[in-house]
């Protein structure tokens, strides 16, 4: 799955840093949830949530999507280097 052990170790380090940074503000839901919707036109869409964060104070949610293709790792740098949740939210608003 990973090119080498270094890639895996780097991912684990970033995930650990992310958890430490946000665990005081958010409840982490990591159980995979499959979402789907069919429309009258016959079009259907589906996807799986990688992680949901629930703000402990407001109940607002943040959906976290982990990119797993080699190309997408470059885009993820904008998220993994975020100083705070506002930068993450702003990143997703641009998509």
Protein backbone atom coordinates (compact mmCIF):
# COMPACT_ATOMS: atom_id res chain seq x y z
CA UNK A 1 0.00 0.00 0.00
CA UNK A 2 2.82 2.46 0.81
CA UNK A 3 5.90 3.01 -1.34
CA UNK A 4 8.16 2.46 1.64
CA UNK A 5 8.24 2.50 5.41
CA UNK A 6 9.25 6.18 5.46
CA UNK A 7 6.01 7.20 3.72
CA UNK A 8 3.98 5.22 6.26
CA UNK A 9 5.93 6.64 9.22
CA UNK A 10 5.49 10.18 7.89
CA UNK A 11 1.74 9.67 7.56
CA UNK A 12 1.52 8.32 11.12
CA UNK A 13 3.50 11.27 12.48
CA UNK A 14 1.22 13.77 10.72
CA UNK A 15 -1.91 11.95 11.92
CA UNK A 16 -0.61 11.96 15.49
CA UNK A 17 0.17 15.69 15.30
CA UNK A 18 -3.30 16.36 13.87
CA UNK A 19 -4.97 14.40 16.67
CA UNK A 20 -3.00 16.19 19.39
CA UNK A 21 -3.76 19.58 17.86
CA UNK A 22 -7.52 19.09 17.56
CA UNK A 23 -8.58 16.54 20.20
CA UNK A 24 -9.30 19.18 22.83
CA UNK A 25 -11.85 20.89 20.55
CA UNK A 26 -13.31 18.01 18.54
CA UNK A 27 -14.73 14.53 19.02
CA UNK A 28 -13.19 12.25 16.37
CA UNK A 29 -15.51 9.81 14.58
CA UNK A 30 -13.41 7.40 12.53
CA UNK A 31 -15.97 4.68 11.84
CA UNK A 32 -16.42 4.55 8.05
CA UNK A 33 -19.84 5.82 6.98
CA UNK A 34 -21.11 5.29 3.43
CA UNK A 35 -23.30 8.06 2.07
CA UNK A 36 -25.41 7.65 -1.05
CA UNK A 37 -28.12 9.50 -2.91
CA UNK A 38 -30.18 8.66 -5.96
CA UNK A 39 -31.91 11.40 -7.89
CA UNK A 40 -35.09 11.32 -9.98
CA UNK A 41 -32.94 11.71 -13.11
CA UNK A 42 -31.44 8.29 -12.40
CA UNK A 43 -28.07 9.69 -11.36
CA UNK A 44 -26.62 8.23 -8.18
CA UNK A 45 -23.65 9.32 -6.11
CA UNK A 46 -21.95 7.64 -3.20
CA UNK A 47 -18.91 8.11 -1.03
CA UNK A 48 -17.34 7.08 2.24
CA UNK A 49 -16.44 9.49 5.03
CA UNK A 50 -12.87 9.00 6.24
CA UNK A 51 -13.35 10.97 9.45
CA UNK A 52 -15.86 13.35 10.97
CA UNK A 53 -14.91 15.91 13.61
CA UNK A 54 -17.66 17.22 15.87
CA UNK A 55 -17.01 20.51 17.67
CA UNK A 56 -17.46 19.83 21.40
CA UNK A 57 -18.93 23.29 22.02
CA UNK A 58 -21.12 23.98 18.99
CA UNK A 59 -21.91 20.56 17.53
CA UNK A 60 -20.77 21.71 14.08
CA UNK A 61 -19.12 19.06 11.97
CA UNK A 62 -16.03 18.97 9.77
CA UNK A 63 -15.69 16.18 7.22
CA UNK A 64 -12.09 15.04 6.74
CA UNK A 65 -11.10 13.28 3.53
CA UNK A 66 -7.75 11.53 3.31
CA UNK A 67 -6.20 11.47 -0.14
CA UNK A 68 -4.55 8.18 -1.02
CA UNK A 69 -3.27 8.56 -4.57
CA UNK A 70 0.30 9.61 -5.21
CA UNK A 71 -0.79 12.77 -7.06
CA UNK A 72 -3.20 13.92 -4.35
CA UNK A 73 -0.55 13.86 -1.61
CA UNK A 74 0.77 17.17 -2.96
CA UNK A 75 -2.64 18.80 -2.39
CA UNK A 76 -2.87 17.45 1.16
CA UNK A 77 0.12 19.54 2.27
CA UNK A 78 -2.26 22.49 2.50
CA UNK A 79 -4.30 20.61 5.07
CA UNK A 80 -1.62 18.81 7.07
CA UNK A 81 0.35 22.02 7.58
CA UNK A 82 -2.69 23.98 8.76
CA UNK A 83 -2.13 25.98 11.92
CA UNK A 84 -5.79 25.87 12.91
CA UNK A 85 -9.18 24.64 11.80
CA UNK A 86 -9.99 27.93 10.04
CA UNK A 87 -7.27 27.24 7.47
CA UNK A 88 -8.70 23.76 6.88
CA UNK A 89 -12.23 25.13 6.44
CA UNK A 90 -11.01 27.83 4.06
CA UNK A 91 -9.15 25.22 2.01
CA UNK A 92 -12.32 23.14 1.55
CA UNK A 93 -14.37 26.22 0.65
CA UNK A 94 -12.06 26.75 -2.34
CA UNK A 95 -12.82 23.29 -3.77
